[in-house]
Amino acid sequence: MANCDWAGILAVPEVFHAPILNVLFSESDMWLNKDESWNFPQDYDPEMIKEEKRKELELEIRVQVDELMRQELKNLKLAVNREKELPARVKKGKKGKGKKGKKKGKRGKKDKDLTADRTIDSLYKELVEKGLLIQSLKVNLSDYIGEYSYLGTTLRQVAVEPMPSLVDVKQLITLYGILPLGSPEVHEKAPLVKSLLLAGPPGVGKKMLVHAICTETGATLFNLSSSNIAGKYPGKTGLQMMLHLVFKVARQFQPSVVWIQDTEKTFYKRVPQAERQNEPKRLKKHLPKLLKLLKPDDRILIVGTTHRPFDAELQPFCRVYQKIILVPRPDYASRYGKYYKAFHVA
């Protein structure tokens, strides 16, 4: 500003003095003491552009945040009004015959801790000895090699729906399994997924994906497959004790994955003669109840794997598993990538 031609500025009509001075001062603040030694070719400064766009973005976000705050305030007012109406409803309920008190007592018995006198270490040890708590294999999701469906767009142009690619499978496993289990913040804010089914032909990597979920999240792995629980904790009370132990330890050491291999056997339409002794349908009635008992803050995921889903009763089968992921055989691109990586590493 020391070399500014004030005489030239003052010669301009007075109505233009203020705009000119504003421009001069703003340009002076921006460029007078700016270090341009690094910018010898005088290219554009990306930081200046970011700063300008950041201000625009802040204004846009502020409008959205204000709208969200108004909606939140509206919800809070509705909640307060609902709480004010609650005492009146309670008084009306007390005028009844008093049968509800008995129901509460029954519910209290169901929630009773069957192992209140035992330490969590002893429960953990028992599950390990029974083979219900197992060590997961160290397999990363990146080890599950697959490619995109490069023919997907071409097939859709001729009205043919392409098979899901292995990359699609990995993305869904990450979305429904790894992120909610591995991150408490994601689990809290994302839609709650309590159960997941991996269905596909033998040898496509369903078991590998289960172990990958555990490896990526550091989850504790429980095996409640019908073949694994056969002959263990017999009877109705024994089954209740087994499920109590599993889910009590699972909550204590969460994140946890409860794996049911060949889960169609739990929902058999008709149990084969050779398998009747193993009682494969022991968990059929209990799984829906267990899902209801899982609270939003429980990072526990029930994962079933099957290669014969058509052997199961579809209605109860699909009611238990919230998300069903088809794991197809690898296509040409995935096979090529797998063998290329194998030979390239070798």
Protein backbone atom coordinates (compact mmCIF):
# COMPACT_ATOMS: atom_id res chain seq x y z
CA MET A 1 0.00 0.00 0.00
CA ALA A 2 3.04 2.28 0.35
CA ASN A 3 3.47 2.42 -3.47
CA CYS A 4 -0.22 3.05 -4.10
CA ASP A 5 -1.10 5.94 -6.45
CA TRP A 6 -3.37 7.86 -4.10
CA ALA A 7 -3.52 10.84 -6.43
CA GLY A 8 -4.92 8.65 -9.19
CA ILE A 9 -7.50 7.20 -6.86
CA LEU A 10 -8.59 10.58 -5.58
CA ALA A 11 -8.99 11.79 -9.17
CA VAL A 12 -11.75 9.22 -9.64
CA PRO A 13 -15.28 10.40 -8.77
CA GLU A 14 -15.95 10.06 -5.05
CA VAL A 15 -18.75 7.53 -5.55
CA PHE A 16 -16.13 4.95 -6.66
CA HIS A 17 -13.68 5.55 -3.79
CA ALA A 18 -15.21 3.00 -1.37
CA PRO A 19 -15.34 0.05 -3.84
CA ILE A 20 -11.80 0.73 -5.07
CA LEU A 21 -10.40 0.99 -1.54
CA ASN A 22 -12.16 -2.23 -0.50
CA VAL A 23 -10.56 -4.07 -3.41
CA LEU A 24 -7.15 -2.55 -2.66
CA PHE A 25 -7.24 -3.47 1.01
CA SER A 26 -8.46 -7.03 0.35
CA GLU A 27 -5.83 -7.60 -2.35
CA SER A 28 -3.16 -6.11 -0.10
CA ASP A 29 -4.12 -8.39 2.81
CA MET A 30 -4.03 -11.39 0.51
CA TRP A 31 -0.85 -10.81 -1.52
CA LEU A 32 1.38 -8.22 0.19
CA ASN A 33 2.99 -10.58 2.72
CA LYS A 34 2.28 -13.87 0.94
CA ASP A 35 5.34 -16.10 0.45
CA GLU A 36 5.46 -17.02 -3.24
CA SER A 37 9.05 -18.29 -3.26
CA TRP A 38 7.84 -21.87 -3.84
CA ASN A 39 5.60 -20.86 -6.75
CA PHE A 40 8.16 -19.83 -9.36
CA PRO A 41 5.99 -20.68 -12.42
CA GLN A 42 3.11 -18.75 -10.77
CA ASP A 43 0.64 -21.62 -10.96
CA TYR A 44 -2.67 -21.52 -9.15
CA ASP A 45 -2.67 -21.95 -5.38
CA PRO A 46 -4.81 -24.99 -4.48
CA GLU A 47 -5.07 -23.93 -0.84
CA MET A 48 -6.75 -20.66 -1.80
CA ILE A 49 -9.33 -22.53 -3.85
CA LYS A 50 -9.94 -24.96 -1.00
CA GLU A 51 -10.40 -22.10 1.45
CA GLU A 52 -12.91 -20.39 -0.82
CA LYS A 53 -14.86 -23.58 -1.45
CA ARG A 54 -14.71 -24.45 2.24
CA LYS A 55 -16.63 -21.29 3.08
CA GLU A 56 -19.29 -22.12 0.50
CA LEU A 57 -19.56 -25.64 1.85
CA GLU A 58 -19.88 -24.39 5.42
CA LEU A 59 -22.86 -22.27 4.41
CA GLU A 60 -24.55 -25.21 2.68
CA ILE A 61 -23.91 -27.55 5.60
CA ARG A 62 -25.14 -24.93 8.06
CA VAL A 63 -28.52 -24.87 6.31
CA GLN A 64 -28.76 -28.67 6.50
CA VAL A 65 -27.66 -28.76 10.14
CA ASP A 66 -30.21 -26.10 11.07
CA GLU A 67 -32.94 -28.17 9.44
CA LEU A 68 -31.81 -31.30 11.32
CA MET A 69 -31.75 -29.37 14.60
CA ARG A 70 -35.30 -28.15 14.00
CA GLN A 71 -36.42 -31.71 13.33
CA GLU A 72 -34.60 -32.95 16.44
CA LEU A 73 -36.25 -30.24 18.54
CA LYS A 74 -39.61 -31.26 17.15
CA ASN A 75 -38.95 -34.90 18.08
CA LEU A 76 -37.89 -33.90 21.60
CA LYS A 77 -41.10 -31.93 22.07
CA LEU A 78 -43.13 -34.93 20.94
CA ALA A 79 -41.21 -37.17 23.37
CA VAL A 80 -41.83 -34.75 26.26
CA ASN A 81 -45.54 -34.59 25.46
CA ARG A 82 -45.65 -38.39 25.32
CA GLU A 83 -44.06 -38.63 28.77
CA LYS A 84 -46.62 -36.21 30.15
CA GLU A 85 -49.42 -38.40 28.83
CA LEU A 86 -47.82 -41.58 30.27
CA PRO A 87 -48.86 -41.06 33.96
CA ALA A 88 -52.49 -40.82 32.92
CA ARG A 89 -52.23 -44.12 31.06
CA VAL A 90 -50.52 -45.76 34.05
CA LYS A 91 -53.36 -44.70 36.33
CA LYS A 92 -55.88 -46.23 33.94
CA GLY A 93 -53.86 -49.43 33.90
CA LYS A 94 -53.93 -49.68 37.72
CA LYS A 95 -57.72 -49.75 37.64
CA GLY A 96 -57.56 -53.13 35.88
CA LYS A 97 -57.66 -56.58 37.49
CA GLY A 98 -53.94 -56.70 38.20
CA LYS A 99 -53.01 -59.53 35.85
CA LYS A 100 -50.07 -57.61 34.43
CA GLY A 101 -48.11 -57.97 37.65
CA LYS A 102 -48.09 -61.74 37.25
CA LYS A 103 -46.76 -61.44 33.71
CA LYS A 104 -43.88 -59.32 34.93
CA GLY A 105 -43.01 -62.03 37.41
CA LYS A 106 -42.87 -64.63 34.65
CA ARG A 107 -40.67 -62.38 32.54
CA GLY A 108 -38.35 -61.95 35.49
CA LYS A 109 -37.90 -65.72 35.68
CA LYS A 110 -36.95 -65.86 32.00
CA ASP A 111 -34.27 -63.23 32.44
CA LYS A 112 -32.81 -64.92 35.50
CA ASP A 113 -29.05 -65.46 35.38
CA LEU A 114 -28.54 -69.23 35.46
CA THR A 115 -24.82 -68.88 36.24
CA ALA A 116 -24.78 -65.98 38.68
CA ASP A 117 -22.50 -67.91 41.06
CA ARG A 118 -19.83 -68.62 38.42
CA THR A 119 -17.02 -66.48 37.03
CA ILE A 120 -16.88 -65.53 33.38
CA ASP A 121 -13.50 -67.31 33.10
CA SER A 122 -15.05 -70.62 34.13
CA LEU A 123 -17.83 -70.18 31.57
CA TYR A 124 -15.27 -69.36 28.88
CA LYS A 125 -13.24 -72.45 29.78
CA GLU A 126 -16.30 -74.69 29.67
CA LEU A 127 -17.29 -73.48 26.21
CA VAL A 128 -13.76 -74.05 24.92
CA GLU A 129 -13.69 -77.57 26.36
CA LYS A 130 -17.07 -78.33 24.79
CA GLY A 131 -15.87 -77.05 21.42
CA LEU A 132 -18.52 -74.33 21.23
CA LEU A 133 -15.99 -71.49 21.43
CA ILE A 134 -13.34 -71.96 18.76
CA GLN A 135 -10.33 -70.04 17.49
CA SER A 136 -10.90 -68.35 14.16
CA LEU A 137 -8.44 -68.77 11.33
CA LYS A 138 -6.30 -65.73 10.51
CA VAL A 139 -7.80 -64.83 7.15
CA ASN A 140 -8.12 -61.26 5.89
CA LEU A 141 -10.90 -60.14 3.59
CA SER A 142 -8.24 -59.14 1.05
CA ASP A 143 -7.29 -62.83 0.81
CA TYR A 144 -10.71 -63.51 -0.70
CA ILE A 145 -9.73 -62.77 -4.29
CA GLY A 146 -12.42 -61.59 -6.69
CA GLU A 147 -13.10 -59.11 -9.48
CA TYR A 148 -15.96 -56.92 -10.65
CA SER A 149 -18.55 -58.18 -13.12
CA TYR A 150 -17.13 -56.52 -16.23
CA LEU A 151 -19.99 -57.85 -18.40
CA GLY A 152 -22.69 -56.54 -16.07
CA THR A 153 -23.60 -53.47 -18.14
CA THR A 154 -23.51 -55.42 -21.41
CA LEU A 155 -25.82 -58.11 -20.04
CA ARG A 156 -28.30 -55.58 -18.68
CA GLN A 157 -28.51 -53.95 -22.12
CA VAL A 158 -29.98 -57.21 -23.45
CA ALA A 159 -32.33 -57.63 -20.45
CA VAL A 160 -30.16 -60.24 -18.68
CA GLU A 161 -29.53 -59.73 -14.96
CA PRO A 162 -25.88 -60.63 -14.24
CA MET A 163 -24.79 -62.77 -11.32
CA PRO A 164 -23.31 -60.82 -8.39
CA SER A 165 -19.55 -60.57 -8.53
CA LEU A 166 -17.19 -61.58 -5.74
CA VAL A 167 -16.39 -57.90 -5.20
CA ASP A 168 -20.10 -57.32 -4.54
CA VAL A 169 -19.97 -60.12 -1.95
CA LYS A 170 -16.94 -58.54 -0.24
CA GLN A 171 -18.66 -55.15 -0.14
CA LEU A 172 -21.78 -56.62 1.47
CA ILE A 173 -19.70 -58.56 4.00
CA THR A 174 -17.95 -55.31 4.90
CA LEU A 175 -21.22 -53.37 5.08
CA TYR A 176 -23.28 -55.82 7.15
CA GLY A 177 -20.58 -57.70 9.05
CA ILE A 178 -17.19 -56.06 9.45
CA LEU A 179 -18.07 -52.38 9.90
CA PRO A 180 -20.89 -52.80 12.48
CA LEU A 181 -18.90 -55.35 14.50
CA GLY A 182 -15.55 -53.58 14.30
CA SER A 183 -16.72 -50.04 15.02
CA PRO A 184 -19.02 -49.17 17.97
CA GLU A 185 -19.82 -45.83 16.28
CA VAL A 186 -20.95 -47.51 13.06
CA HIS A 187 -22.88 -50.14 15.03
CA GLU A 188 -24.69 -47.39 16.93
CA LYS A 189 -25.66 -45.31 13.88
CA ALA A 190 -26.07 -47.90 11.11
CA PRO A 191 -29.23 -50.01 10.68
CA LEU A 192 -29.08 -52.92 13.12
CA VAL A 193 -28.28 -56.26 11.44
CA LYS A 194 -28.44 -59.16 13.88
CA SER A 195 -28.17 -62.09 11.46
CA LEU A 196 -26.55 -62.82 8.13
CA LEU A 197 -26.84 -65.81 5.78
CA LEU A 198 -24.18 -66.80 3.26
CA ALA A 199 -25.68 -69.11 0.65
CA GLY A 200 -23.83 -70.68 -2.25
CA PRO A 201 -22.48 -73.91 -3.71
CA PRO A 202 -19.73 -75.85 -1.93
CA GLY A 203 -16.19 -74.55 -2.21
CA VAL A 204 -16.90 -70.87 -2.93
CA GLY A 205 -15.45 -69.54 0.34
CA LYS A 206 -18.39 -69.16 2.73
CA LYS A 207 -16.41 -70.53 5.67
CA MET A 208 -13.46 -68.34 4.70
CA LEU A 209 -15.68 -65.24 4.80
CA VAL A 210 -16.88 -66.13 8.31
CA HIS A 211 -13.28 -66.36 9.53
CA ALA A 212 -12.43 -63.14 7.64
CA ILE A 213 -15.16 -61.29 9.57
CA CYS A 214 -13.63 -62.50 12.84
CA THR A 215 -10.08 -61.62 11.76
CA GLU A 216 -10.94 -58.12 10.56
CA THR A 217 -12.97 -57.26 13.68
CA GLY A 218 -11.13 -59.31 16.32
CA ALA A 219 -14.39 -61.09 17.10
CA THR A 220 -14.84 -64.14 19.31
CA LEU A 221 -16.15 -67.10 17.30
CA PHE A 222 -18.82 -69.51 18.58
CA ASN A 223 -19.86 -72.62 16.65
CA LEU A 224 -23.51 -73.64 17.08
CA SER A 225 -23.71 -75.87 14.01
CA SER A 226 -26.07 -78.81 14.42
CA SER A 227 -23.20 -81.26 13.94
CA ASN A 228 -21.14 -79.47 16.60
CA ILE A 229 -23.82 -79.33 19.32
CA ALA A 230 -25.02 -82.92 18.76
CA GLY A 231 -24.92 -84.83 22.06
CA LYS A 232 -23.92 -81.74 24.08
CA TYR A 233 -26.16 -80.30 26.80
CA PRO A 234 -29.00 -82.79 26.22
CA GLY A 235 -32.60 -82.09 27.09
CA LYS A 236 -34.58 -78.87 27.24
CA THR A 237 -32.82 -77.52 30.33
CA GLY A 238 -29.44 -78.45 28.88
CA LEU A 239 -30.21 -76.54 25.69
CA GLN A 240 -31.28 -73.48 27.68
CA MET A 241 -28.05 -73.65 29.68
CA MET A 242 -25.95 -73.94 26.50
CA LEU A 243 -27.55 -70.90 24.89
CA HIS A 244 -27.28 -68.97 28.15
CA LEU A 245 -23.55 -69.73 28.37
CA VAL A 246 -22.87 -68.85 24.74
CA PHE A 247 -24.64 -65.50 24.73
CA LYS A 248 -23.46 -64.48 28.19
CA VAL A 249 -19.83 -65.03 27.16
CA ALA A 250 -20.52 -63.48 23.74
CA ARG A 251 -21.75 -60.28 25.38
CA GLN A 252 -18.76 -60.21 27.71
CA PHE A 253 -16.21 -60.69 24.90
CA GLN A 254 -17.92 -58.79 22.11
CA PRO A 255 -17.65 -58.31 19.22
CA SER A 256 -18.76 -61.89 18.75
CA VAL A 257 -19.82 -64.06 15.82
CA VAL A 258 -22.16 -67.03 16.34
CA TRP A 259 -21.63 -69.34 13.37
CA ILE A 260 -24.17 -71.97 12.29
CA GLN A 261 -22.70 -74.10 9.51
CA ASP A 262 -25.16 -75.99 7.27
CA THR A 263 -27.88 -73.93 8.87
CA GLU A 264 -30.56 -75.43 6.61
CA LYS A 265 -30.43 -78.50 8.89
CA THR A 266 -31.84 -76.41 11.74
CA PHE A 267 -34.90 -75.72 9.55
CA TYR A 268 -35.23 -79.09 7.82
CA LYS A 269 -38.55 -79.76 6.09
CA ARG A 270 -37.99 -83.41 6.82
CA VAL A 271 -35.09 -84.74 8.86
CA PRO A 272 -33.23 -87.58 7.09
CA GLN A 273 -33.28 -90.91 8.89
CA ALA A 274 -29.49 -90.91 9.30
CA GLU A 275 -29.52 -87.53 11.11
CA ARG A 276 -32.47 -87.95 13.46
CA GLN A 277 -30.25 -89.11 16.30
CA ASN A 278 -28.33 -85.79 16.19
CA GLU A 279 -31.52 -83.69 16.59
CA PRO A 280 -30.51 -81.07 13.99
CA LYS A 281 -33.63 -78.94 14.65
CA ARG A 282 -32.83 -78.24 18.33
CA LEU A 283 -32.31 -74.51 17.75
CA LYS A 284 -35.26 -73.93 15.42
CA LYS A 285 -37.63 -72.49 18.04
CA HIS A 286 -34.93 -70.73 20.03
CA LEU A 287 -33.20 -68.70 17.29
CA PRO A 288 -36.08 -66.20 16.79
CA LYS A 289 -36.23 -65.68 20.57
CA LEU A 290 -32.47 -65.14 20.76
CA LEU A 291 -32.65 -62.50 18.04
CA LYS A 292 -35.29 -60.62 20.03
CA LEU A 293 -33.08 -60.72 23.14
CA LEU A 294 -30.16 -59.10 21.30
CA LYS A 295 -30.12 -55.42 22.25
CA PRO A 296 -28.97 -52.56 20.00
CA ASP A 297 -25.74 -52.19 21.99
CA ASP A 298 -24.86 -55.90 21.61
CA ARG A 299 -22.20 -56.33 18.93
CA ILE A 300 -23.16 -59.94 18.27
CA LEU A 301 -23.77 -61.26 14.76
CA ILE A 302 -25.37 -64.62 13.95
CA VAL A 303 -23.91 -65.92 10.67
CA GLY A 304 -25.34 -68.95 8.92
CA THR A 305 -23.79 -70.73 5.94
CA THR A 306 -25.61 -73.12 3.62
CA HIS A 307 -25.21 -74.82 0.26
CA ARG A 308 -28.67 -76.43 0.31
CA PRO A 309 -31.14 -73.68 1.34
CA PHE A 310 -33.95 -75.43 -0.54
CA ASP A 311 -33.92 -78.21 2.10
CA ALA A 312 -35.19 -75.76 4.72
CA GLU A 313 -38.67 -74.45 5.47
CA LEU A 314 -38.44 -71.08 3.77
CA GLN A 315 -40.74 -69.03 6.00
CA PRO A 316 -39.00 -69.59 9.38
CA PHE A 317 -35.63 -69.79 7.61
CA CYS A 318 -35.94 -66.33 6.03
CA ARG A 319 -37.51 -64.90 9.18
CA VAL A 320 -34.37 -65.65 11.19
CA TYR A 321 -31.83 -64.24 8.71
CA GLN A 322 -32.25 -60.53 8.05
CA LYS A 323 -29.72 -60.35 5.22
CA ILE A 324 -29.11 -63.14 2.69
CA ILE A 325 -25.97 -62.92 0.55
CA LEU A 326 -25.55 -65.17 -2.47
CA VAL A 327 -21.94 -66.29 -2.86
CA PRO A 328 -21.60 -67.43 -6.49
CA ARG A 329 -18.90 -69.44 -8.18
CA PRO A 330 -16.06 -67.19 -9.40
CA ASP A 331 -16.39 -65.95 -12.97
CA TYR A 332 -13.59 -65.80 -15.54
CA ALA A 333 -12.19 -62.48 -14.28
CA SER A 334 -12.05 -63.69 -10.67
CA ARG A 335 -10.42 -67.00 -11.63
CA TYR A 336 -7.90 -65.18 -13.80
CA GLY A 337 -7.07 -62.77 -10.95
CA LYS A 338 -6.72 -65.63 -8.48
CA TYR A 339 -4.30 -67.65 -10.62
CA TYR A 340 -2.41 -64.54 -11.72
CA LYS A 341 -1.82 -63.57 -8.10
CA ALA A 342 -0.81 -67.13 -7.17
CA PHE A 343 1.76 -67.40 -9.97
CA HIS A 344 2.90 -63.79 -9.54
CA VAL A 345 3.62 -64.33 -5.84
CA ALA A 346 5.33 -67.65 -6.56
